[in-house]
Amino acid sequence: MTDIVEVTQGSIRGHTRDGCRVFLGIPYAAAPVGDLRLQPPAPAPPWAGVRSADTPGPTAPKGPYPNPFQSLFNEPVVDGDEYLNLNVWTPHDADNAAVLVWIHGGAYVNGSGIVPQYDGAPFARDGIVCVTINYRLGAEGFLDLGDDVCNLGLRDQIAALQWIQNNIAAFGGDPDRVTIAGESAGGMSVTSLLSSPLAAGLFHRVIAQSGAGHHALSRPDGHRIATELASRLGVLTERSAIAAVPRQRLLEAQLSITRDMALNPDPAIWGGAVANSMAFEPVIDGEVLPALPIESITNGAGAGIDVLAGSNLHEQRLFLVPTGVYAASTEPAVHAILAARGIDATDAAAAYPEADTPGALLDAVLTDWTFRIPAIRLAEAVAGNGANAYMYQFGWESPLFDGLLRSCHFLEVPYVFDSLDAAGSAAQTGPQPDRDLARRMHSAWVSFIQDGDPGWSVYGERRTTKLFASTDDVLADPGAASRRLWEGRR
């Protein structure tokens, strides 16, 4: 097949790499600048001639990861305004192939579709058309100014899915077999889309890794953040006023809010954003998100859509170990965090007997609150709506930080993509990753994307869960005691 493809806006030329065709930086919406800044995504304008898609397009404006995470994550930055773009990897002989759309993580303030671990070539090698996207981040994507224009980052994701519906057949993909997937904020995004009436019909399966539908701000809390941002900028809390602020100045004010909330997580100042540790995230606006996503899904949103969901065994260690918080944690401090979530320290000790230090207990509790329990409740809701839910856990342990990092947040991503050799992967995996595990896990994802069956039983009464580790296992209700600890709690 030729490397020239006709899409809605015109002709594009990709290139052949690693045995597949690759198209980078394709605009799916107009550049969100000028009159379009802080506005819903508009259609991408057409172009004349054949547009080159050989190099990555611009990435959304963002700041660097804070220390010490700069050394742990490869964060590509490409300057330019046309950053609402996507990338496609497709087999040479693709014909009505299943499609994977990957929505990146990064706490809604970092990341892009060109992070090296998201290289789609291994999926294309195995017959999948893989698409990665960019969307607006931080204040540009998730500021709530109290009007009817909200959740621009999610609206960007929806616009990308609409573009894919209209154009993916030109790349050999089947618009009726689209799986959306993401990790961390990407996992939260795909479950938000599962709950959204605006995204209905745009995808057919969901993979939620280390993020589910439990995290979104109320409108009052979202507006509280917007008011503080406007105050720091010295402008009115109005769309036109914020849109007139230079991009770098807006980014600096955004970063100052993120930093100050981390240093002083006072709910009296920041509202519900403190619980989620994210000042800029989706808002329950009544349109894109009619309710908290998990509540909408429990009540029938996304019915009939199969879901693969899960988490890593020691997610929170990514945030606790490199920062020194893990080692510095004390019993009184951890007990105070438990009490804030309505959990008695004695009950927690009984539910997590393997957590033999304050740091280990903090990791276990925050991993469950943020990642594992939301994934379980997502699976329960999906199964309750009559669709198939599959649950996994990732338990391979990194040797880094003297073995304390264990199976931390993001560690499963290069295993899912079979991209262990990508630049930056060794910063989490160490120098000797388990390549056979990557083959097994990637194959399970390919099977789910193609056929809806990852290779183990659905999550039902036995709470069947596949554990991916040095040796795999299929478990019934793993961590039952700690799961029961969270019943009736959010």
Protein backbone atom coordinates (compact mmCIF):
# COMPACT_ATOMS: atom_id res chain seq x y z
CA MET A 1 0.00 0.00 0.00
CA THR A 2 1.10 3.57 -0.64
CA ASP A 3 2.28 5.83 2.16
CA ILE A 4 -0.08 8.55 0.87
CA VAL A 5 -3.53 8.57 2.47
CA GLU A 6 -6.56 10.78 1.83
CA VAL A 7 -8.18 12.17 4.98
CA THR A 8 -10.90 14.76 5.54
CA GLN A 9 -8.56 17.74 5.18
CA GLY A 10 -6.44 16.51 2.26
CA SER A 11 -3.58 14.15 1.41
CA ILE A 12 -0.87 13.08 3.86
CA ARG A 13 2.33 11.17 3.31
CA GLY A 14 3.71 8.93 6.05
CA HIS A 15 6.70 6.63 6.05
CA THR A 16 7.54 2.98 6.57
CA ARG A 17 9.24 1.98 9.82
CA ASP A 18 9.58 -1.29 11.72
CA GLY A 19 7.49 -3.08 9.12
CA CYS A 20 4.47 -0.77 9.36
CA ARG A 21 3.25 2.53 7.98
CA VAL A 22 3.58 5.52 10.32
CA PHE A 23 1.81 8.89 10.10
CA LEU A 24 2.77 11.50 12.70
CA GLY A 25 1.31 14.84 13.72
CA ILE A 26 -2.00 14.72 11.82
CA PRO A 27 -4.26 17.59 12.94
CA TYR A 28 -7.67 16.39 14.08
CA ALA A 29 -8.83 19.89 15.09
CA ALA A 30 -7.80 23.46 14.43
CA ALA A 31 -4.97 25.04 16.40
CA PRO A 32 -6.55 26.29 19.68
CA VAL A 33 -5.03 29.76 19.48
CA GLY A 34 -6.26 33.27 18.74
CA ASP A 35 -10.06 33.36 18.67
CA LEU A 36 -10.13 29.59 19.27
CA ARG A 37 -8.16 29.72 22.51
CA LEU A 38 -10.09 28.31 25.48
CA GLN A 39 -12.93 27.40 23.09
CA PRO A 40 -14.28 23.99 22.10
CA PRO A 41 -12.27 22.24 19.39
CA ALA A 42 -13.04 23.41 15.85
CA PRO A 43 -12.58 21.36 12.65
CA ALA A 44 -9.05 21.25 11.30
CA PRO A 45 -8.74 23.36 8.13
CA PRO A 46 -7.92 21.70 4.80
CA TRP A 47 -4.52 21.98 3.15
CA ALA A 48 -3.35 21.98 -0.44
CA GLY A 49 -1.06 19.35 -1.92
CA VAL A 50 0.38 16.45 0.05
CA ARG A 51 1.18 17.16 3.70
CA SER A 52 4.17 15.39 5.21
CA ALA A 53 3.45 13.27 8.29
CA ASP A 54 7.03 12.10 8.80
CA THR A 55 7.86 13.91 12.04
CA PRO A 56 6.04 14.38 15.36
CA GLY A 57 3.67 17.31 15.58
CA PRO A 58 3.66 19.91 18.37
CA THR A 59 2.86 18.85 21.91
CA ALA A 60 0.38 20.63 24.16
CA PRO A 61 1.83 23.42 26.34
CA LYS A 62 3.02 22.00 29.66
CA GLY A 63 5.65 22.43 32.28
CA PRO A 64 8.38 19.93 33.11
CA TYR A 65 7.76 17.13 35.55
CA PRO A 66 8.79 18.27 39.04
CA ASN A 67 11.90 16.78 40.59
CA PRO A 68 12.61 13.93 41.12
CA PHE A 69 10.30 12.74 38.34
CA GLN A 70 12.20 14.45 35.52
CA SER A 71 14.72 11.62 35.63
CA LEU A 72 11.99 8.96 35.63
CA PHE A 73 9.90 10.09 32.65
CA ASN A 74 10.83 10.89 29.08
CA GLU A 75 8.79 14.02 28.28
CA PRO A 76 9.14 15.08 24.62
CA VAL A 77 8.39 18.71 23.85
CA VAL A 78 7.71 19.97 20.32
CA ASP A 79 6.84 23.65 20.01
CA GLY A 80 4.00 24.89 17.81
CA ASP A 81 0.34 25.84 17.83
CA GLU A 82 -1.09 22.90 15.89
CA TYR A 83 -0.88 20.54 18.84
CA LEU A 84 -4.33 18.98 18.59
CA ASN A 85 -2.88 16.19 16.52
CA LEU A 86 -2.64 12.42 16.47
CA ASN A 87 -0.33 9.65 15.26
CA VAL A 88 -1.18 6.44 13.40
CA TRP A 89 0.74 3.15 13.10
CA THR A 90 -0.89 0.71 10.71
CA PRO A 91 0.02 -2.67 9.20
CA HIS A 92 0.90 -2.55 5.50
CA ASP A 93 -1.90 -4.97 4.70
CA ALA A 94 -4.48 -3.56 7.13
CA ASP A 95 -8.08 -4.10 5.99
CA ASN A 96 -10.86 -3.50 8.51
CA ALA A 97 -8.36 -4.06 11.30
CA ALA A 98 -9.26 -3.45 14.94
CA VAL A 99 -8.23 -0.01 16.22
CA LEU A 100 -6.57 1.03 19.48
CA VAL A 101 -6.79 4.69 20.51
CA TRP A 102 -4.36 5.49 23.33
CA ILE A 103 -5.04 8.48 25.60
CA HIS A 104 -1.93 9.43 27.54
CA GLY A 105 -1.58 10.05 31.24
CA GLY A 106 0.34 12.72 33.14
CA ALA A 107 -2.11 13.96 35.80
CA TYR A 108 -3.83 16.10 33.13
CA VAL A 109 -0.84 18.46 33.09
CA ASN A 110 1.91 16.42 31.42
CA GLY A 111 2.40 13.83 28.71
CA SER A 112 1.75 13.54 24.98
CA GLY A 113 1.05 11.01 22.29
CA ILE A 114 4.74 10.80 21.36
CA VAL A 115 6.10 9.53 24.67
CA PRO A 116 8.52 6.81 23.49
CA GLN A 117 6.81 4.02 25.44
CA TYR A 118 3.64 4.67 23.39
CA ASP A 119 5.26 3.61 20.11
CA GLY A 120 2.47 1.85 18.24
CA ALA A 121 4.70 -0.32 16.01
CA PRO A 122 4.34 -3.49 18.14
CA PHE A 123 0.54 -3.22 17.94
CA ALA A 124 0.72 -2.66 14.17
CA ARG A 125 3.06 -5.67 13.93
CA ASP A 126 0.29 -7.74 15.53
CA GLY A 127 -2.47 -6.50 13.23
CA ILE A 128 -3.81 -3.50 15.17
CA VAL A 129 -4.15 0.05 13.86
CA CYS A 130 -2.75 2.09 16.78
CA VAL A 131 -3.55 5.78 17.29
CA THR A 132 -2.12 8.08 19.99
CA ILE A 133 -3.48 11.57 20.57
CA ASN A 134 -2.68 14.90 22.17
CA TYR A 135 -5.24 16.99 24.04
CA ARG A 136 -5.17 20.28 25.93
CA LEU A 137 -3.64 20.06 29.40
CA GLY A 138 -3.75 22.01 32.65
CA ALA A 139 -5.62 25.30 32.66
CA GLU A 140 -5.99 25.30 28.87
CA GLY A 141 -7.79 21.97 29.02
CA PHE A 142 -9.55 21.78 32.39
CA LEU A 143 -10.24 25.25 33.74
CA ASP A 144 -13.83 25.80 34.89
CA LEU A 145 -14.78 29.44 34.47
CA GLY A 146 -18.40 28.92 35.47
CA ASP A 147 -19.85 29.19 31.96
CA ASP A 148 -21.10 26.54 29.54
CA VAL A 149 -17.65 25.81 28.05
CA CYS A 150 -15.97 23.25 30.23
CA ASN A 151 -13.82 20.11 30.05
CA LEU A 152 -12.00 21.23 26.91
CA GLY A 153 -9.45 18.45 27.28
CA LEU A 154 -12.21 15.84 27.23
CA ARG A 155 -13.88 17.64 24.33
CA ASP A 156 -10.57 17.41 22.47
CA GLN A 157 -10.51 13.65 23.07
CA ILE A 158 -14.06 13.39 21.73
CA ALA A 159 -13.11 15.44 18.66
CA ALA A 160 -10.18 13.08 18.04
CA LEU A 161 -12.53 10.07 18.25
CA GLN A 162 -14.92 11.73 15.81
CA TRP A 163 -12.02 12.31 13.39
CA ILE A 164 -11.01 8.68 13.78
CA GLN A 165 -14.55 7.52 13.00
CA ASN A 166 -14.47 9.55 9.79
CA ASN A 167 -10.94 8.72 8.68
CA ILE A 168 -9.57 5.50 10.15
CA ALA A 169 -10.84 3.36 7.26
CA ALA A 170 -8.33 5.17 5.01
CA PHE A 171 -5.58 3.62 7.16
CA GLY A 172 -7.12 0.13 7.02
CA GLY A 173 -8.91 0.42 10.35
CA ASP A 174 -12.46 -0.61 11.17
CA PRO A 175 -14.46 2.29 12.67
CA ASP A 176 -16.81 -0.27 14.21
CA ARG A 177 -14.02 -1.93 16.22
CA VAL A 178 -12.42 0.91 18.17
CA THR A 179 -10.97 0.34 21.64
CA ILE A 180 -10.05 3.38 23.72
CA ALA A 181 -7.33 2.85 26.32
CA GLY A 182 -5.28 4.92 28.71
CA GLU A 183 -3.22 4.87 31.87
CA SER A 184 -3.42 7.13 34.94
CA ALA A 185 -5.15 10.34 33.77
CA GLY A 186 -5.63 8.46 30.51
CA GLY A 187 -7.47 5.69 32.39
CA MET A 188 -9.57 8.32 34.12
CA SER A 189 -10.22 9.88 30.71
CA VAL A 190 -11.45 6.71 29.04
CA THR A 191 -13.87 6.00 31.88
CA SER A 192 -15.02 9.62 31.71
CA LEU A 193 -15.71 9.07 28.01
CA LEU A 194 -17.50 5.81 28.80
CA SER A 195 -19.84 7.83 31.02
CA SER A 196 -20.31 10.77 28.62
CA PRO A 197 -23.33 11.06 26.33
CA LEU A 198 -21.19 13.18 23.98
CA ALA A 199 -18.89 10.21 23.29
CA ALA A 200 -21.61 7.60 22.74
CA GLY A 201 -21.05 5.47 19.64
CA LEU A 202 -17.43 6.57 19.11
CA PHE A 203 -15.81 3.42 20.57
CA HIS A 204 -16.71 -0.17 21.34
CA ARG A 205 -14.34 -1.41 24.08
CA VAL A 206 -12.42 0.25 26.92
CA ILE A 207 -9.11 -0.47 28.64
CA ALA A 208 -8.57 1.47 31.88
CA GLN A 209 -5.09 1.10 33.39
CA SER A 210 -4.42 2.58 36.84
CA GLY A 211 -7.27 5.06 36.62
CA ALA A 212 -11.04 4.76 36.67
CA GLY A 213 -14.10 6.97 37.00
CA HIS A 214 -13.81 8.15 40.60
CA HIS A 215 -11.97 11.44 40.15
CA ALA A 216 -13.62 14.65 38.99
CA LEU A 217 -14.25 18.04 40.57
CA SER A 218 -17.57 19.59 41.44
CA ARG A 219 -18.29 22.87 39.69
CA PRO A 220 -17.82 24.92 42.87
CA ASP A 221 -14.41 23.32 43.43
CA GLY A 222 -13.46 23.80 39.79
CA HIS A 223 -14.47 27.45 39.92
CA ARG A 224 -12.52 27.90 43.16
CA ILE A 225 -9.35 26.89 41.29
CA ALA A 226 -10.22 29.20 38.39
CA THR A 227 -10.77 32.13 40.74
CA GLU A 228 -7.39 31.57 42.38
CA LEU A 229 -5.70 31.33 38.98
CA ALA A 230 -7.31 34.58 37.81
CA SER A 231 -6.25 36.28 41.04
CA ARG A 232 -2.63 35.25 40.51
CA LEU A 233 -2.81 36.54 36.95
CA GLY A 234 -4.44 39.80 38.04
CA VAL A 235 -7.40 39.39 35.67
CA LEU A 236 -11.12 38.76 35.94
CA THR A 237 -12.37 35.18 36.23
CA GLU A 238 -13.70 35.34 32.70
CA ARG A 239 -12.90 33.37 29.55
CA SER A 240 -11.89 36.38 27.46
CA ALA A 241 -9.60 37.67 30.20
CA ILE A 242 -7.82 34.35 30.72
CA ALA A 243 -7.57 33.79 26.95
CA ALA A 244 -5.73 37.10 26.59
CA VAL A 245 -2.97 36.01 28.97
CA PRO A 246 0.25 34.92 27.19
CA ARG A 247 0.71 31.16 27.18
CA GLN A 248 3.90 31.13 29.26
CA ARG A 249 2.45 33.41 31.93
CA LEU A 250 -0.66 31.23 32.20
CA LEU A 251 1.52 28.13 32.48
CA GLU A 252 3.61 29.70 35.23
CA ALA A 253 0.49 30.57 37.25
CA GLN A 254 -0.83 27.04 36.74
CA LEU A 255 2.43 25.54 37.96
CA SER A 256 2.41 27.81 41.02
CA ILE A 257 -1.04 26.55 41.98
CA THR A 258 0.00 22.92 41.54
CA ARG A 259 3.11 23.51 43.66
CA ASP A 260 1.30 25.42 46.41
CA MET A 261 -1.48 22.84 46.68
CA ALA A 262 1.12 20.09 47.07
CA LEU A 263 2.93 22.05 49.79
CA ASN A 264 -0.26 23.04 51.63
CA PRO A 265 -3.09 20.61 50.78
CA ASP A 266 -5.72 22.50 52.75
CA PRO A 267 -9.31 21.71 51.66
CA ALA A 268 -10.39 25.11 52.96
CA ILE A 269 -8.25 26.64 50.19
CA TRP A 270 -8.43 24.08 47.37
CA GLY A 271 -11.65 22.18 48.03
CA GLY A 272 -12.03 18.69 46.58
CA ALA A 273 -8.93 19.02 44.43
CA VAL A 274 -6.86 18.12 47.51
CA ALA A 275 -8.27 14.60 47.71
CA ASN A 276 -7.31 13.89 44.10
CA SER A 277 -4.00 15.81 44.27
CA MET A 278 -4.90 17.48 40.95
CA ALA A 279 -5.94 21.12 40.61
CA PHE A 280 -6.73 20.72 36.92
CA GLU A 281 -8.94 17.76 36.09
CA PRO A 282 -12.38 17.04 34.62
CA VAL A 283 -15.36 18.80 36.15
CA ILE A 284 -18.89 17.48 36.59
CA ASP A 285 -20.43 20.03 34.25
CA GLY A 286 -23.78 18.39 33.43
CA GLU A 287 -22.94 18.07 29.72
CA VAL A 288 -19.67 16.26 29.07
CA LEU A 289 -19.92 14.70 32.53
CA PRO A 290 -23.52 14.58 33.79
CA ALA A 291 -22.29 13.08 37.09
CA LEU A 292 -19.22 11.52 38.60
CA PRO A 293 -18.27 8.99 35.90
CA ILE A 294 -18.55 5.90 38.11
CA GLU A 295 -22.04 7.01 39.15
CA SER A 296 -23.15 7.44 35.53
CA ILE A 297 -21.69 4.04 34.58
CA THR A 298 -23.36 2.37 37.57
CA ASN A 299 -26.64 3.87 36.36
CA GLY A 300 -26.26 2.47 32.86
CA ALA A 301 -24.01 4.82 30.88
CA GLY A 302 -21.89 2.89 28.39
CA ALA A 303 -24.04 -0.22 28.75
CA GLY A 304 -22.94 -3.02 26.44
CA ILE A 305 -19.31 -1.90 26.21
CA ASP A 306 -16.79 -4.45 27.47
CA VAL A 307 -14.03 -3.20 29.77
CA LEU A 308 -10.57 -4.42 30.77
CA ALA A 309 -9.48 -2.67 33.96
CA GLY A 310 -6.80 -3.01 36.60
CA SER A 311 -3.92 -1.56 38.54
CA ASN A 312 -0.40 -2.26 39.80
CA LEU A 313 0.24 -3.75 43.22
CA HIS A 314 2.34 -0.85 44.55
CA GLU A 315 1.17 2.13 42.50
CA GLN A 316 1.82 4.80 45.07
CA ARG A 317 5.48 3.94 45.53
CA LEU A 318 6.28 5.94 42.39
CA PHE A 319 5.22 9.04 44.34
CA LEU A 320 6.49 7.99 47.78
CA VAL A 321 9.87 6.33 47.24
CA PRO A 322 11.80 8.75 44.96
CA THR A 323 10.55 11.74 46.97
CA GLY A 324 11.71 10.27 50.30
CA VAL A 325 8.17 10.28 51.74
CA TYR A 326 8.15 6.47 51.98
CA ALA A 327 11.20 6.38 54.24
CA ALA A 328 10.14 9.43 56.26
CA SER A 329 6.57 8.24 56.96
CA THR A 330 5.69 7.87 60.63
CA GLU A 331 2.90 5.99 62.33
CA PRO A 332 1.09 9.13 63.57
CA ALA A 333 1.21 10.75 60.12
CA VAL A 334 -0.09 7.64 58.37
CA HIS A 335 -2.81 7.17 60.97
CA ALA A 336 -3.94 10.76 60.36
CA ILE A 337 -4.22 10.05 56.62
CA LEU A 338 -6.25 6.93 57.40
CA ALA A 339 -8.53 8.86 59.72
CA ALA A 340 -9.18 11.46 56.99
CA ARG A 341 -10.57 8.61 54.90
CA GLY A 342 -12.63 7.22 57.78
CA ILE A 343 -10.40 4.21 58.40
CA ASP A 344 -9.30 3.01 61.83
CA ALA A 345 -5.59 2.19 62.11
CA THR A 346 -6.28 -1.17 63.73
CA ASP A 347 -8.65 -2.13 60.92
CA ALA A 348 -6.07 -1.07 58.34
CA ALA A 349 -3.34 -3.14 59.99
CA ALA A 350 -5.59 -6.20 59.87
CA ALA A 351 -6.55 -5.58 56.23
CA TYR A 352 -2.93 -5.05 55.11
CA PRO A 353 -0.86 -7.51 57.16
CA GLU A 354 1.99 -7.40 54.63
CA ALA A 355 2.46 -3.64 55.19
CA ASP A 356 5.09 -3.87 57.93
CA THR A 357 6.26 -0.23 58.00
CA PRO A 358 4.41 3.11 58.01
CA GLY A 359 5.59 3.74 54.46
CA ALA A 360 4.35 0.36 53.27
CA LEU A 361 0.97 0.93 54.88
CA LEU A 362 0.71 4.39 53.31
CA ASP A 363 1.49 2.89 49.91
CA ALA A 364 -1.08 0.14 50.33
CA VAL A 365 -3.86 2.47 51.45
CA LEU A 366 -3.27 5.16 48.82
CA THR A 367 -2.81 2.56 46.07
CA ASP A 368 -6.19 1.09 46.93
CA TRP A 369 -7.99 4.42 47.36
CA THR A 370 -6.69 5.94 44.15
CA PHE A 371 -6.33 2.97 41.81
CA ARG A 372 -7.38 -0.56 42.85
CA ILE A 373 -10.77 0.09 44.43
CA PRO A 374 -11.91 2.39 41.58
CA ALA A 375 -10.94 -0.33 39.08
CA ILE A 376 -12.91 -2.93 41.05
CA ARG A 377 -15.97 -0.70 41.23
CA LEU A 378 -15.72 0.01 37.52
CA ALA A 379 -15.69 -3.75 36.83
CA GLU A 380 -18.66 -4.24 39.13
CA ALA A 381 -20.62 -1.47 37.40
CA VAL A 382 -19.83 -2.78 33.91
CA ALA A 383 -20.83 -6.32 34.88
CA GLY A 384 -24.01 -4.95 36.45
CA ASN A 385 -24.88 -3.36 33.09
CA GLY A 386 -24.64 -6.71 31.33
CA ALA A 387 -21.28 -6.24 29.60
CA ASN A 388 -18.09 -8.23 30.10
CA ALA A 389 -15.59 -6.87 32.61
CA TYR A 390 -12.07 -8.29 32.89
CA MET A 391 -9.80 -7.47 35.80
CA TYR A 392 -6.00 -7.61 35.99
CA GLN A 393 -3.23 -6.76 38.44
CA PHE A 394 0.38 -6.06 37.54
CA GLY A 395 2.90 -7.39 40.03
CA TRP A 396 6.33 -7.49 38.37
CA GLU A 397 8.76 -5.64 40.66
CA SER A 398 11.37 -3.13 39.58
CA PRO A 399 14.81 -3.54 41.17
CA LEU A 400 15.39 0.22 41.31
CA PHE A 401 15.67 2.29 44.49
CA ASP A 402 17.06 -0.78 46.27
CA GLY A 403 13.95 -2.73 45.34
CA LEU A 404 11.57 -0.35 47.11
CA LEU A 405 9.89 0.85 43.89
CA ARG A 406 8.35 -2.60 43.35
CA SER A 407 5.33 -2.69 40.97
CA CYS A 408 4.82 1.06 40.90
CA HIS A 409 2.64 3.37 38.84
CA PHE A 410 3.32 3.42 35.05
CA LEU A 411 5.58 0.36 35.23
CA GLU A 412 3.13 -1.78 33.25
CA VAL A 413 2.98 0.60 30.25
CA PRO A 414 6.11 -0.59 28.37
CA TYR A 415 4.96 -4.15 29.02
CA VAL A 416 1.54 -3.47 27.50
CA PHE A 417 3.11 -1.78 24.45
CA ASP A 418 5.98 -4.29 24.26
CA SER A 419 8.21 -1.22 24.15
CA LEU A 420 10.81 -2.15 26.77
CA ASP A 421 13.60 -0.85 24.53
CA ALA A 422 12.02 2.60 24.13
CA ALA A 423 14.00 5.57 25.40
CA GLY A 424 13.37 6.06 29.11
CA SER A 425 11.83 2.67 29.87
CA ALA A 426 14.86 1.52 31.87
CA ALA A 427 14.31 4.45 34.28
CA GLN A 428 11.47 2.41 35.77
CA THR A 429 12.23 -1.18 34.77
CA GLY A 430 15.96 -1.24 35.36
CA PRO A 431 18.41 -2.87 32.94
CA GLN A 432 16.88 -6.35 32.90
CA PRO A 433 13.13 -6.19 32.22
CA ASP A 434 11.11 -9.37 31.78
CA ARG A 435 10.70 -9.65 28.01
CA ASP A 436 8.57 -12.77 28.18
CA LEU A 437 6.13 -10.94 30.47
CA ALA A 438 5.93 -8.13 27.91
CA ARG A 439 5.08 -10.69 25.22
CA ARG A 440 2.34 -12.24 27.36
CA MET A 441 0.80 -8.99 28.51
CA HIS A 442 0.93 -7.34 25.08
CA SER A 443 -0.68 -10.44 23.55
CA ALA A 444 -3.55 -10.27 26.05
CA TRP A 445 -4.20 -6.63 25.13
CA VAL A 446 -4.09 -7.50 21.41
CA SER A 447 -6.63 -10.28 21.96
CA PHE A 448 -9.00 -8.00 23.85
CA ILE A 449 -8.75 -5.28 21.21
CA GLN A 450 -9.36 -7.75 18.38
CA ASP A 451 -11.90 -10.13 19.90
CA GLY A 452 -13.00 -8.78 23.29
CA ASP A 453 -11.38 -11.69 25.17
CA PRO A 454 -7.99 -11.18 26.87
CA GLY A 455 -7.67 -14.87 27.74
CA TRP A 456 -9.15 -15.31 31.22
CA SER A 457 -12.62 -15.41 32.77
CA VAL A 458 -14.81 -12.38 33.28
CA TYR A 459 -14.96 -10.58 36.60
CA GLY A 460 -18.05 -12.05 38.25
CA GLU A 461 -19.08 -13.59 41.54
CA ARG A 462 -15.60 -15.09 42.03
CA ARG A 463 -14.00 -11.70 41.27
CA THR A 464 -11.61 -13.38 38.85
CA THR A 465 -8.40 -11.39 38.38
CA LYS A 466 -5.37 -12.10 36.19
CA LEU A 467 -2.04 -11.38 37.88
CA PHE A 468 0.76 -10.46 35.49
CA ALA A 469 4.14 -11.04 37.15
CA SER A 470 7.28 -13.10 36.58
CA THR A 471 4.86 -16.00 36.50
CA ASP A 472 1.21 -15.30 35.78
CA ASP A 473 -1.74 -16.55 37.78
CA VAL A 474 -5.53 -16.29 37.77
CA LEU A 475 -6.82 -15.41 41.23
CA ALA A 476 -10.22 -15.29 42.90
CA ASP A 477 -10.84 -12.06 44.84
CA PRO A 478 -7.20 -11.17 45.59
CA GLY A 479 -6.82 -8.81 48.53
CA ALA A 480 -10.35 -9.60 49.75
CA ALA A 481 -9.75 -8.23 53.26
CA SER A 482 -8.53 -4.87 52.03
CA ARG A 483 -11.32 -4.72 49.43
CA ARG A 484 -13.90 -5.16 52.19
CA LEU A 485 -12.24 -2.41 54.21
CA TRP A 486 -13.36 0.09 51.56
CA GLU A 487 -16.96 -1.04 51.30
CA GLY A 488 -19.24 1.94 51.85
CA ARG A 489 -16.33 4.36 51.58
CA ARG A 490 -15.28 6.56 48.69
